[in-house]
Amino acid sequence: MQAIEKKHHFRRTLDSLIRFTSSVGEETVFSGSFNGGENIVVRGLVQGESDIQGIVVVTDTGRWHGKLTADVVIVAGKVEGDIVAREKIEVHSMAKIVGNLHSPIIAIESGAVHDGHIDMTKVEKLKHFEEKREASEI
């Protein structure tokens, strides 16, 4: 039997990332605000707001309660609050978000749960996609 190689869920966005400067561990609760030019990974609970010039990743064990603002936001865990990304929001299949999403690029994987509005600002041109599956596959 062939071994199945598991691909990292965040590979594309994080390929060029050198390191995370801050991390909230699985058993950690952080109350307050993150500000500045950092990359943050959240495996525990953050209660507060942020304005980060960098990437924020809320992993599958991570939770964020409050407004989350960053250049790029990747969510695989739970967020209760609005998310604002200056560049991109990625929502993975195991994510649960209650709040509005604001970003020029928003990618939501099948299986994710989102309760809120989506605002894709600075969209210059709509892209049209062709269905590549057969009608019987849908």
N, C-alpha and C. Protein backbone atom coordinates (compact mmCIF):
# COMPACT_ATOMS: atom_id res chain seq x y z
N MET A 1 0.83 -1.18 0.00
CA MET A 1 0.00 0.00 0.00
C MET A 1 0.88 1.25 0.00
N GLN A 2 0.54 2.20 -0.82
CA GLN A 2 1.31 3.42 -0.92
C GLN A 2 1.06 4.33 0.27
N ALA A 3 2.12 4.98 0.75
CA ALA A 3 1.96 5.96 1.83
C ALA A 3 1.36 7.23 1.24
N ILE A 4 0.40 7.78 1.95
CA ILE A 4 -0.24 9.01 1.48
C ILE A 4 0.47 10.19 2.13
N GLU A 5 0.95 11.10 1.30
CA GLU A 5 1.64 12.27 1.80
C GLU A 5 0.61 13.33 2.17
N LYS A 6 0.65 13.80 3.41
CA LYS A 6 -0.28 14.83 3.86
C LYS A 6 0.30 16.20 3.52
N LYS A 7 -0.46 16.99 2.80
CA LYS A 7 -0.01 18.33 2.45
C LYS A 7 -0.38 19.29 3.57
N HIS A 8 0.47 20.25 3.80
CA HIS A 8 0.22 21.26 4.81
C HIS A 8 -0.91 22.15 4.33
N HIS A 9 -1.93 22.38 5.18
CA HIS A 9 -3.10 23.16 4.79
C HIS A 9 -2.76 24.59 4.35
N PHE A 10 -1.69 25.16 4.88
CA PHE A 10 -1.42 26.57 4.66
C PHE A 10 -0.24 26.80 3.71
N ARG A 11 0.14 25.81 2.97
CA ARG A 11 1.39 25.83 2.22
C ARG A 11 1.56 27.03 1.30
N ARG A 12 0.60 27.36 0.49
CA ARG A 12 0.79 28.41 -0.51
C ARG A 12 1.05 29.78 0.11
N THR A 13 0.22 30.22 1.00
CA THR A 13 0.40 31.55 1.59
C THR A 13 1.64 31.62 2.44
N LEU A 14 1.96 30.56 3.13
CA LEU A 14 3.06 30.60 4.09
C LEU A 14 4.40 30.16 3.52
N ASP A 15 4.45 29.80 2.24
CA ASP A 15 5.72 29.35 1.64
C ASP A 15 6.85 30.36 1.84
N SER A 16 6.57 31.63 1.66
CA SER A 16 7.63 32.64 1.72
C SER A 16 7.86 33.17 3.13
N LEU A 17 7.08 32.71 4.09
CA LEU A 17 7.19 33.18 5.46
C LEU A 17 8.44 32.61 6.12
N ILE A 18 9.23 33.46 6.71
CA ILE A 18 10.46 33.03 7.35
C ILE A 18 10.18 32.46 8.74
N ARG A 19 9.37 33.17 9.55
CA ARG A 19 9.10 32.68 10.90
C ARG A 19 7.91 33.44 11.49
N PHE A 20 7.36 32.85 12.56
CA PHE A 20 6.35 33.53 13.35
C PHE A 20 7.07 34.18 14.52
N THR A 21 6.73 35.43 14.83
CA THR A 21 7.39 36.11 15.94
C THR A 21 6.62 35.96 17.23
N SER A 22 5.32 35.61 17.14
CA SER A 22 4.52 35.41 18.35
C SER A 22 3.66 34.18 18.18
N SER A 23 3.44 33.48 19.31
CA SER A 23 2.63 32.28 19.28
C SER A 23 1.82 32.21 20.58
N VAL A 24 0.54 31.84 20.44
CA VAL A 24 -0.32 31.62 21.59
C VAL A 24 -0.55 30.12 21.64
N GLY A 25 -0.04 29.47 22.69
CA GLY A 25 -0.10 28.02 22.82
C GLY A 25 -1.50 27.49 23.08
N GLU A 26 -1.69 26.18 22.87
CA GLU A 26 -3.00 25.54 23.00
C GLU A 26 -3.64 25.73 24.36
N GLU A 27 -2.87 25.75 25.41
CA GLU A 27 -3.42 25.88 26.76
C GLU A 27 -3.40 27.32 27.26
N THR A 28 -3.14 28.28 26.36
CA THR A 28 -2.98 29.68 26.74
C THR A 28 -4.22 30.49 26.40
N VAL A 29 -4.59 31.41 27.31
CA VAL A 29 -5.63 32.40 27.06
C VAL A 29 -4.96 33.75 27.10
N PHE A 30 -5.05 34.51 26.01
CA PHE A 30 -4.47 35.86 25.94
C PHE A 30 -5.62 36.85 25.83
N SER A 31 -5.66 37.83 26.74
CA SER A 31 -6.65 38.90 26.68
C SER A 31 -5.91 40.21 26.47
N GLY A 32 -6.26 40.91 25.41
CA GLY A 32 -5.59 42.17 25.10
C GLY A 32 -5.57 42.41 23.62
N SER A 33 -4.59 43.20 23.16
CA SER A 33 -4.52 43.49 21.73
C SER A 33 -3.12 43.25 21.21
N PHE A 34 -3.07 42.78 19.97
CA PHE A 34 -1.82 42.62 19.24
C PHE A 34 -1.73 43.77 18.25
N ASN A 35 -0.59 44.46 18.22
CA ASN A 35 -0.37 45.53 17.26
C ASN A 35 1.08 45.45 16.80
N GLY A 36 1.31 45.88 15.55
CA GLY A 36 2.69 45.93 15.08
C GLY A 36 2.91 45.10 13.84
N GLY A 37 4.18 44.90 13.53
CA GLY A 37 4.58 44.18 12.33
C GLY A 37 5.09 42.80 12.67
N GLU A 38 4.19 41.91 13.01
CA GLU A 38 4.57 40.56 13.40
C GLU A 38 3.76 39.53 12.63
N ASN A 39 4.20 38.30 12.70
CA ASN A 39 3.42 37.16 12.23
C ASN A 39 3.05 36.37 13.47
N ILE A 40 1.77 36.02 13.58
CA ILE A 40 1.27 35.40 14.80
C ILE A 40 0.56 34.10 14.46
N VAL A 41 0.83 33.06 15.26
CA VAL A 41 0.09 31.81 15.16
C VAL A 41 -0.67 31.61 16.47
N VAL A 42 -1.96 31.32 16.34
CA VAL A 42 -2.84 31.17 17.50
C VAL A 42 -3.29 29.72 17.58
N ARG A 43 -2.85 29.03 18.63
CA ARG A 43 -3.27 27.65 18.88
C ARG A 43 -4.21 27.58 20.09
N GLY A 44 -4.24 28.66 20.88
CA GLY A 44 -5.08 28.75 22.06
C GLY A 44 -6.20 29.75 21.84
N LEU A 45 -6.52 30.55 22.87
CA LEU A 45 -7.62 31.51 22.82
C LEU A 45 -7.08 32.93 22.94
N VAL A 46 -7.49 33.78 22.00
CA VAL A 46 -7.21 35.22 22.07
C VAL A 46 -8.54 35.93 22.24
N GLN A 47 -8.61 36.81 23.24
CA GLN A 47 -9.79 37.64 23.47
C GLN A 47 -9.32 39.08 23.34
N GLY A 48 -9.65 39.71 22.22
CA GLY A 48 -9.21 41.08 22.01
C GLY A 48 -9.19 41.44 20.55
N GLU A 49 -8.44 42.47 20.24
CA GLU A 49 -8.38 42.98 18.87
C GLU A 49 -6.93 42.96 18.40
N SER A 50 -6.78 43.16 17.08
CA SER A 50 -5.44 43.23 16.52
C SER A 50 -5.39 44.20 15.36
N ASP A 51 -4.20 44.70 15.09
CA ASP A 51 -3.90 45.40 13.85
C ASP A 51 -2.45 45.05 13.54
N ILE A 52 -2.29 44.00 12.74
CA ILE A 52 -0.97 43.41 12.48
C ILE A 52 -0.56 43.65 11.04
N GLN A 53 0.66 44.12 10.85
CA GLN A 53 1.24 44.21 9.52
C GLN A 53 2.01 42.90 9.32
N GLY A 54 1.26 41.85 9.01
CA GLY A 54 1.84 40.52 8.86
C GLY A 54 0.73 39.51 8.71
N ILE A 55 1.05 38.27 9.02
CA ILE A 55 0.13 37.15 8.86
C ILE A 55 -0.34 36.68 10.23
N VAL A 56 -1.64 36.43 10.35
CA VAL A 56 -2.19 35.81 11.55
C VAL A 56 -2.82 34.49 11.14
N VAL A 57 -2.41 33.41 11.81
CA VAL A 57 -2.96 32.08 11.55
C VAL A 57 -3.68 31.62 12.81
N VAL A 58 -4.97 31.32 12.68
CA VAL A 58 -5.74 30.70 13.75
C VAL A 58 -5.84 29.23 13.37
N THR A 59 -5.07 28.38 14.06
CA THR A 59 -5.01 26.96 13.71
C THR A 59 -6.31 26.25 14.09
N ASP A 60 -6.39 24.96 13.80
CA ASP A 60 -7.62 24.20 14.08
C ASP A 60 -7.94 24.14 15.57
N THR A 61 -6.95 24.33 16.46
CA THR A 61 -7.21 24.36 17.90
C THR A 61 -7.37 25.79 18.40
N GLY A 62 -7.15 26.77 17.52
CA GLY A 62 -7.17 28.17 17.92
C GLY A 62 -8.56 28.78 17.91
N ARG A 63 -8.73 29.79 18.79
CA ARG A 63 -9.98 30.55 18.85
C ARG A 63 -9.65 32.02 19.02
N TRP A 64 -10.43 32.87 18.36
CA TRP A 64 -10.23 34.32 18.46
C TRP A 64 -11.58 34.95 18.71
N HIS A 65 -11.68 35.75 19.77
CA HIS A 65 -12.91 36.48 20.09
C HIS A 65 -12.59 37.97 20.03
N GLY A 66 -13.10 38.66 19.01
CA GLY A 66 -12.84 40.08 18.83
C GLY A 66 -12.49 40.36 17.39
N LYS A 67 -12.26 41.63 17.09
CA LYS A 67 -11.93 42.04 15.72
C LYS A 67 -10.49 41.66 15.40
N LEU A 68 -10.30 41.03 14.25
CA LEU A 68 -9.00 40.56 13.81
C LEU A 68 -8.63 41.27 12.52
N THR A 69 -7.60 42.12 12.57
CA THR A 69 -7.14 42.88 11.42
C THR A 69 -5.67 42.55 11.17
N ALA A 70 -5.34 42.21 9.91
CA ALA A 70 -3.95 41.90 9.54
C ALA A 70 -3.81 42.00 8.03
N ASP A 71 -2.58 41.84 7.55
CA ASP A 71 -2.37 41.82 6.10
C ASP A 71 -3.00 40.56 5.51
N VAL A 72 -2.71 39.41 6.12
CA VAL A 72 -3.24 38.12 5.69
C VAL A 72 -3.77 37.40 6.93
N VAL A 73 -4.97 36.82 6.80
CA VAL A 73 -5.55 36.05 7.90
C VAL A 73 -5.91 34.66 7.37
N ILE A 74 -5.44 33.64 8.08
CA ILE A 74 -5.73 32.25 7.73
C ILE A 74 -6.46 31.63 8.92
N VAL A 75 -7.65 31.08 8.67
CA VAL A 75 -8.46 30.54 9.76
C VAL A 75 -8.75 29.07 9.51
N ALA A 76 -8.36 28.24 10.49
CA ALA A 76 -8.74 26.84 10.48
C ALA A 76 -9.52 26.52 11.75
N GLY A 77 -9.53 27.44 12.71
CA GLY A 77 -10.21 27.26 13.98
C GLY A 77 -11.49 28.06 14.05
N LYS A 78 -11.76 28.66 15.22
CA LYS A 78 -13.00 29.40 15.43
C LYS A 78 -12.72 30.88 15.67
N VAL A 79 -13.51 31.72 15.01
CA VAL A 79 -13.40 33.17 15.19
C VAL A 79 -14.79 33.71 15.44
N GLU A 80 -14.92 34.52 16.49
CA GLU A 80 -16.14 35.26 16.77
C GLU A 80 -15.78 36.73 16.73
N GLY A 81 -16.07 37.37 15.60
CA GLY A 81 -15.74 38.77 15.41
C GLY A 81 -15.42 39.01 13.95
N ASP A 82 -15.37 40.28 13.58
CA ASP A 82 -15.07 40.64 12.19
C ASP A 82 -13.60 40.38 11.87
N ILE A 83 -13.35 39.97 10.62
CA ILE A 83 -11.99 39.78 10.13
C ILE A 83 -11.77 40.77 8.98
N VAL A 84 -10.71 41.55 9.09
CA VAL A 84 -10.33 42.50 8.04
C VAL A 84 -8.90 42.16 7.62
N ALA A 85 -8.72 41.83 6.34
CA ALA A 85 -7.38 41.53 5.82
C ALA A 85 -7.09 42.48 4.67
N ARG A 86 -5.95 43.14 4.73
CA ARG A 86 -5.58 44.08 3.68
C ARG A 86 -5.23 43.38 2.37
N GLU A 87 -4.80 42.10 2.46
CA GLU A 87 -4.42 41.37 1.26
C GLU A 87 -5.32 40.17 0.98
N LYS A 88 -5.52 39.28 2.00
CA LYS A 88 -6.19 38.02 1.72
C LYS A 88 -6.71 37.36 3.00
N ILE A 89 -7.87 36.69 2.88
CA ILE A 89 -8.39 35.83 3.94
C ILE A 89 -8.52 34.43 3.37
N GLU A 90 -7.98 33.44 4.09
CA GLU A 90 -8.17 32.03 3.74
C GLU A 90 -8.95 31.37 4.85
N VAL A 91 -10.06 30.70 4.50
CA VAL A 91 -10.88 30.01 5.48
C VAL A 91 -10.85 28.53 5.12
N HIS A 92 -10.30 27.72 6.01
CA HIS A 92 -10.14 26.30 5.73
C HIS A 92 -11.36 25.50 6.18
N SER A 93 -11.45 24.28 5.73
CA SER A 93 -12.67 23.47 5.86
C SER A 93 -13.14 23.28 7.30
N MET A 94 -12.25 23.26 8.26
CA MET A 94 -12.65 23.02 9.64
C MET A 94 -12.97 24.31 10.40
N ALA A 95 -12.91 25.46 9.72
CA ALA A 95 -13.13 26.76 10.36
C ALA A 95 -14.60 27.02 10.63
N LYS A 96 -14.83 27.78 11.71
CA LYS A 96 -16.17 28.27 12.06
C LYS A 96 -16.02 29.74 12.40
N ILE A 97 -16.68 30.60 11.61
CA ILE A 97 -16.55 32.04 11.79
C ILE A 97 -17.93 32.66 11.96
N VAL A 98 -18.09 33.46 13.01
CA VAL A 98 -19.28 34.27 13.21
C VAL A 98 -18.80 35.72 13.18
N GLY A 99 -19.03 36.39 12.06
CA GLY A 99 -18.58 37.76 11.88
C GLY A 99 -18.41 38.07 10.42
N ASN A 100 -18.22 39.32 10.11
CA ASN A 100 -18.08 39.77 8.73
C ASN A 100 -16.64 39.60 8.25
N LEU A 101 -16.50 39.31 6.95
CA LEU A 101 -15.19 39.18 6.31
C LEU A 101 -14.99 40.34 5.35
N HIS A 102 -13.86 41.05 5.48
CA HIS A 102 -13.55 42.18 4.60
C HIS A 102 -12.14 42.00 4.06
N SER A 103 -12.00 41.81 2.74
CA SER A 103 -10.69 41.65 2.11
C SER A 103 -10.85 41.66 0.60
N PRO A 104 -9.82 42.09 -0.14
CA PRO A 104 -9.92 42.02 -1.60
C PRO A 104 -9.94 40.59 -2.13
N ILE A 105 -9.32 39.66 -1.39
CA ILE A 105 -9.30 38.26 -1.80
C ILE A 105 -9.78 37.41 -0.62
N ILE A 106 -10.80 36.58 -0.86
CA ILE A 106 -11.33 35.70 0.17
C ILE A 106 -11.49 34.32 -0.43
N ALA A 107 -10.84 33.33 0.19
CA ALA A 107 -10.94 31.94 -0.26
C ALA A 107 -11.56 31.13 0.87
N ILE A 108 -12.70 30.49 0.59
CA ILE A 108 -13.39 29.68 1.59
C ILE A 108 -13.46 28.25 1.10
N GLU A 109 -12.85 27.36 1.85
CA GLU A 109 -12.81 25.94 1.48
C GLU A 109 -14.14 25.28 1.82
N SER A 110 -14.52 24.32 1.02
CA SER A 110 -15.75 23.57 1.24
C SER A 110 -15.74 22.93 2.62
N GLY A 111 -16.84 23.06 3.35
CA GLY A 111 -16.95 22.51 4.69
C GLY A 111 -16.83 23.56 5.77
N ALA A 112 -16.29 24.72 5.44
CA ALA A 112 -16.16 25.80 6.42
C ALA A 112 -17.55 26.36 6.73
N VAL A 113 -17.70 26.90 7.94
CA VAL A 113 -18.96 27.51 8.35
C VAL A 113 -18.71 29.00 8.58
N HIS A 114 -19.53 29.84 7.91
CA HIS A 114 -19.41 31.29 8.07
C HIS A 114 -20.79 31.89 8.23
N ASP A 115 -20.97 32.67 9.30
CA ASP A 115 -22.22 33.37 9.54
C ASP A 115 -21.90 34.85 9.60
N GLY A 116 -22.17 35.55 8.52
CA GLY A 116 -21.88 36.98 8.44
C GLY A 116 -21.85 37.44 7.00
N HIS A 117 -21.48 38.68 6.80
CA HIS A 117 -21.41 39.26 5.46
C HIS A 117 -19.99 39.16 4.92
N ILE A 118 -19.90 39.19 3.59
CA ILE A 118 -18.60 39.19 2.92
C ILE A 118 -18.50 40.47 2.10
N ASP A 119 -17.39 41.19 2.27
CA ASP A 119 -17.15 42.43 1.53
C ASP A 119 -15.77 42.31 0.88
N MET A 120 -15.76 42.19 -0.45
CA MET A 120 -14.50 42.08 -1.17
C MET A 120 -14.18 43.44 -1.81
N THR A 121 -13.50 44.25 -1.05
CA THR A 121 -13.16 45.59 -1.51
C THR A 121 -12.02 45.54 -2.52
N LYS A 122 -11.93 46.58 -3.30
CA LYS A 122 -10.88 46.74 -4.32
C LYS A 122 -10.90 45.63 -5.36
N VAL A 123 -12.05 45.07 -5.66
CA VAL A 123 -12.16 44.07 -6.71
C VAL A 123 -12.25 44.82 -8.03
N GLU A 124 -11.22 44.71 -8.86
CA GLU A 124 -11.17 45.48 -10.10
C GLU A 124 -11.94 44.80 -11.24
N LYS A 125 -11.86 43.50 -11.30
CA LYS A 125 -12.46 42.79 -12.42
C LYS A 125 -12.99 41.45 -11.92
N LEU A 126 -14.21 41.13 -12.30
CA LEU A 126 -14.78 39.84 -11.93
C LEU A 126 -14.14 38.75 -12.78
N LYS A 127 -13.86 37.63 -12.15
CA LYS A 127 -13.33 36.49 -12.88
C LYS A 127 -14.45 35.47 -13.05
N HIS A 128 -14.55 34.93 -14.24
CA HIS A 128 -15.54 33.90 -14.52
C HIS A 128 -14.82 32.57 -14.67
N PHE A 129 -15.36 31.56 -14.02
CA PHE A 129 -14.74 30.25 -14.05
C PHE A 129 -15.62 29.28 -14.81
N GLU A 130 -14.97 28.38 -15.53
CA GLU A 130 -15.68 27.34 -16.25
C GLU A 130 -15.77 26.10 -15.38
N GLU A 131 -16.92 25.46 -15.40
CA GLU A 131 -17.10 24.21 -14.66
C GLU A 131 -16.32 23.13 -15.38
N LYS A 132 -15.45 22.43 -14.67
CA LYS A 132 -14.61 21.40 -15.27
C LYS A 132 -15.13 20.01 -15.00
N ARG A 133 -16.12 19.89 -14.08
CA ARG A 133 -16.68 18.59 -13.77
C ARG A 133 -17.85 18.31 -14.70
N GLU A 134 -18.10 17.03 -14.86
CA GLU A 134 -19.28 16.60 -15.63
C GLU A 134 -20.52 16.85 -14.78
N ALA A 135 -21.65 17.06 -15.40
CA ALA A 135 -22.90 17.31 -14.68
C ALA A 135 -23.23 16.17 -13.73
N SER A 136 -22.87 14.95 -14.07
CA SER A 136 -23.16 13.80 -13.21
C SER A 136 -22.32 13.79 -11.94
N GLU A 137 -21.19 14.52 -11.91
CA GLU A 137 -20.31 14.59 -10.74
C GLU A 137 -20.79 15.63 -9.74
N ILE A 138 -21.64 16.51 -10.13
CA ILE A 138 -22.06 17.62 -9.28
C ILE A 138 -23.14 17.23 -8.34
